[in-house]
């Protein structure tokens, strides 16, 4: 798991790490991944809320004027 996290420069959170681990054939719960990440001091450098607001701002800036 730390290898997957480091390969993606700390941009993957527990959800994407869970998906990557499952692709490798390991069955694991997202809560377990989150717990293991906290124990290993692995924290995503990008928060989900900042991504949401950047996308919202993009759509507001690029809407068609009426």
N, C-alpha and C. Protein backbone atom coordinates (compact mmCIF):
# COMPACT_ATOMS: atom_id res chain seq x y z
N UNK A 1 0.80 -1.19 0.00
CA UNK A 1 0.00 0.00 0.00
C UNK A 1 0.85 1.27 0.00
N UNK A 2 1.88 1.37 0.81
CA UNK A 2 2.73 2.57 0.73
C UNK A 2 3.37 2.74 -0.65
N UNK A 3 3.63 1.63 -1.31
CA UNK A 3 4.23 1.71 -2.65
C UNK A 3 3.25 2.37 -3.62
N UNK A 4 1.99 1.97 -3.58
CA UNK A 4 0.97 2.57 -4.44
C UNK A 4 0.82 4.05 -4.12
N UNK A 5 0.83 4.39 -2.83
CA UNK A 5 0.70 5.77 -2.40
C UNK A 5 1.87 6.61 -2.93
N UNK A 6 3.08 6.10 -2.80
CA UNK A 6 4.26 6.84 -3.24
C UNK A 6 4.39 6.92 -4.76
N UNK A 7 3.94 5.89 -5.46
CA UNK A 7 3.97 5.91 -6.93
C UNK A 7 3.13 7.04 -7.48
N UNK A 8 2.08 7.41 -6.74
CA UNK A 8 1.17 8.46 -7.19
C UNK A 8 1.41 9.78 -6.47
N UNK A 9 2.60 9.94 -5.92
CA UNK A 9 3.07 11.18 -5.30
C UNK A 9 2.15 11.70 -4.21
N UNK A 10 1.54 10.78 -3.47
CA UNK A 10 0.70 11.16 -2.34
C UNK A 10 -0.64 11.76 -2.72
N UNK A 11 -1.05 11.60 -3.95
CA UNK A 11 -2.30 12.19 -4.40
C UNK A 11 -3.49 11.24 -4.24
N UNK A 12 -3.23 9.99 -3.94
CA UNK A 12 -4.31 9.02 -3.81
C UNK A 12 -4.78 8.96 -2.37
N UNK A 13 -6.09 9.01 -2.17
CA UNK A 13 -6.68 8.83 -0.86
C UNK A 13 -7.03 7.36 -0.66
N UNK A 14 -7.73 7.10 0.44
CA UNK A 14 -8.01 5.70 0.76
C UNK A 14 -8.92 5.03 -0.26
N UNK A 15 -9.80 5.78 -0.90
CA UNK A 15 -10.71 5.19 -1.89
C UNK A 15 -9.97 4.70 -3.12
N UNK A 16 -9.08 5.53 -3.64
CA UNK A 16 -8.34 5.15 -4.84
C UNK A 16 -7.29 4.08 -4.52
N UNK A 17 -6.72 4.15 -3.32
CA UNK A 17 -5.78 3.10 -2.90
C UNK A 17 -6.52 1.77 -2.81
N UNK A 18 -7.73 1.78 -2.25
CA UNK A 18 -8.53 0.56 -2.15
C UNK A 18 -8.78 -0.03 -3.52
N UNK A 19 -9.14 0.82 -4.48
CA UNK A 19 -9.39 0.35 -5.84
C UNK A 19 -8.14 -0.25 -6.47
N UNK A 20 -7.00 0.38 -6.26
CA UNK A 20 -5.74 -0.14 -6.82
C UNK A 20 -5.37 -1.49 -6.19
N UNK A 21 -5.56 -1.61 -4.89
CA UNK A 21 -5.23 -2.87 -4.20
C UNK A 21 -6.17 -3.99 -4.68
N UNK A 22 -7.44 -3.65 -4.89
CA UNK A 22 -8.39 -4.65 -5.38
C UNK A 22 -8.07 -5.09 -6.80
N UNK A 23 -7.54 -4.17 -7.62
CA UNK A 23 -7.13 -4.54 -8.98
C UNK A 23 -6.02 -5.59 -8.96
N UNK A 24 -5.22 -5.55 -7.91
CA UNK A 24 -4.12 -6.52 -7.76
C UNK A 24 -4.59 -7.85 -7.20
N UNK A 25 -5.92 -7.96 -6.94
CA UNK A 25 -6.49 -9.23 -6.51
C UNK A 25 -6.60 -9.41 -5.02
N UNK A 26 -6.36 -8.37 -4.24
CA UNK A 26 -6.45 -8.46 -2.79
C UNK A 26 -7.81 -7.91 -2.36
N UNK A 27 -8.59 -8.69 -1.65
CA UNK A 27 -9.89 -8.25 -1.18
C UNK A 27 -9.69 -7.54 0.16
N UNK A 28 -10.05 -6.25 0.18
CA UNK A 28 -9.85 -5.45 1.39
C UNK A 28 -10.94 -4.39 1.47
N UNK A 29 -11.35 -4.08 2.67
CA UNK A 29 -12.38 -3.08 2.93
C UNK A 29 -11.75 -1.69 2.94
N UNK A 30 -12.50 -0.68 2.50
CA UNK A 30 -11.96 0.68 2.48
C UNK A 30 -11.64 1.21 3.87
N UNK A 31 -12.38 0.74 4.88
CA UNK A 31 -12.11 1.17 6.25
C UNK A 31 -10.79 0.62 6.74
N UNK A 32 -10.45 -0.58 6.33
CA UNK A 32 -9.16 -1.17 6.69
C UNK A 32 -8.03 -0.40 6.04
N UNK A 33 -8.20 -0.03 4.78
CA UNK A 33 -7.18 0.76 4.08
C UNK A 33 -6.98 2.09 4.79
N UNK A 34 -8.07 2.74 5.17
CA UNK A 34 -8.00 4.02 5.87
C UNK A 34 -7.23 3.88 7.19
N UNK A 35 -7.55 2.82 7.94
CA UNK A 35 -6.88 2.57 9.21
C UNK A 35 -5.38 2.33 9.01
N UNK A 36 -5.03 1.52 8.02
CA UNK A 36 -3.63 1.24 7.74
C UNK A 36 -2.88 2.49 7.28
N UNK A 37 -3.55 3.33 6.51
CA UNK A 37 -2.92 4.57 6.06
C UNK A 37 -2.64 5.49 7.24
N UNK A 38 -3.58 5.58 8.18
CA UNK A 38 -3.37 6.41 9.37
C UNK A 38 -2.23 5.87 10.22
N UNK A 39 -2.18 4.55 10.37
CA UNK A 39 -1.11 3.94 11.16
C UNK A 39 0.26 4.16 10.53
N UNK A 40 0.30 4.26 9.19
CA UNK A 40 1.56 4.47 8.47
C UNK A 40 1.84 5.95 8.21
N UNK A 41 0.99 6.83 8.75
CA UNK A 41 1.11 8.28 8.54
C UNK A 41 1.11 8.64 7.06
N UNK A 42 0.23 8.01 6.29
CA UNK A 42 0.07 8.33 4.87
C UNK A 42 -1.20 9.16 4.72
N UNK A 43 -1.03 10.42 4.36
CA UNK A 43 -2.15 11.32 4.19
C UNK A 43 -2.10 11.92 2.80
N UNK A 44 -3.22 11.97 2.13
CA UNK A 44 -3.29 12.53 0.78
C UNK A 44 -2.97 14.02 0.82
N UNK A 45 -2.24 14.49 -0.19
CA UNK A 45 -1.88 15.90 -0.24
C UNK A 45 -2.99 16.74 -0.86
N UNK A 46 -4.03 16.09 -1.38
CA UNK A 46 -5.15 16.80 -2.02
C UNK A 46 -6.41 16.43 -1.26
N UNK A 47 -7.15 17.44 -0.82
CA UNK A 47 -8.39 17.14 -0.12
C UNK A 47 -9.53 17.04 -1.13
N UNK A 48 -10.49 16.21 -0.83
CA UNK A 48 -11.62 16.02 -1.73
C UNK A 48 -12.43 17.29 -1.92
N UNK A 49 -12.54 18.10 -0.87
CA UNK A 49 -13.35 19.31 -0.99
C UNK A 49 -12.69 20.32 -1.93
N UNK A 50 -11.35 20.38 -1.95
CA UNK A 50 -10.71 21.34 -2.84
C UNK A 50 -10.92 20.95 -4.30
N UNK A 51 -10.96 19.67 -4.58
CA UNK A 51 -11.22 19.20 -5.94
C UNK A 51 -12.65 19.57 -6.34
N UNK A 52 -13.59 19.38 -5.42
CA UNK A 52 -14.98 19.72 -5.70
C UNK A 52 -15.12 21.20 -6.03
N UNK A 53 -14.50 22.05 -5.23
CA UNK A 53 -14.65 23.49 -5.45
C UNK A 53 -13.95 23.94 -6.73
N UNK A 54 -12.83 23.31 -7.08
CA UNK A 54 -12.18 23.66 -8.34
C UNK A 54 -13.06 23.27 -9.53
N UNK A 55 -13.70 22.11 -9.46
CA UNK A 55 -14.60 21.70 -10.53
C UNK A 55 -15.82 22.62 -10.60
N UNK A 56 -16.37 22.97 -9.46
CA UNK A 56 -17.52 23.86 -9.44
C UNK A 56 -17.16 25.21 -10.04
N UNK A 57 -15.99 25.72 -9.69
CA UNK A 57 -15.55 27.01 -10.23
C UNK A 57 -15.35 26.92 -11.74
N UNK A 58 -14.81 25.80 -12.21
CA UNK A 58 -14.61 25.59 -13.65
C UNK A 58 -15.94 25.67 -14.39
N UNK A 59 -16.95 24.97 -13.87
CA UNK A 59 -18.25 24.98 -14.53
C UNK A 59 -18.92 26.34 -14.47
N UNK A 60 -18.73 27.06 -13.37
CA UNK A 60 -19.31 28.39 -13.28
C UNK A 60 -18.63 29.36 -14.24
N UNK A 61 -17.33 29.23 -14.40
CA UNK A 61 -16.58 30.10 -15.31
C UNK A 61 -16.90 29.82 -16.77
N UNK A 62 -17.27 28.57 -17.09
CA UNK A 62 -17.45 28.17 -18.48
C UNK A 62 -18.91 27.95 -18.89
N UNK A 63 -19.82 28.48 -18.12
CA UNK A 63 -21.22 28.32 -18.50
C UNK A 63 -21.59 29.27 -19.64
N UNK A 64 -22.60 28.91 -20.36
CA UNK A 64 -23.04 29.70 -21.52
C UNK A 64 -23.91 30.84 -21.01
N UNK A 65 -23.57 32.07 -21.37
CA UNK A 65 -24.39 33.20 -20.88
C UNK A 65 -25.79 33.15 -21.51
N UNK A 66 -26.77 33.55 -20.73
CA UNK A 66 -28.14 33.50 -21.25
C UNK A 66 -28.64 34.86 -21.68
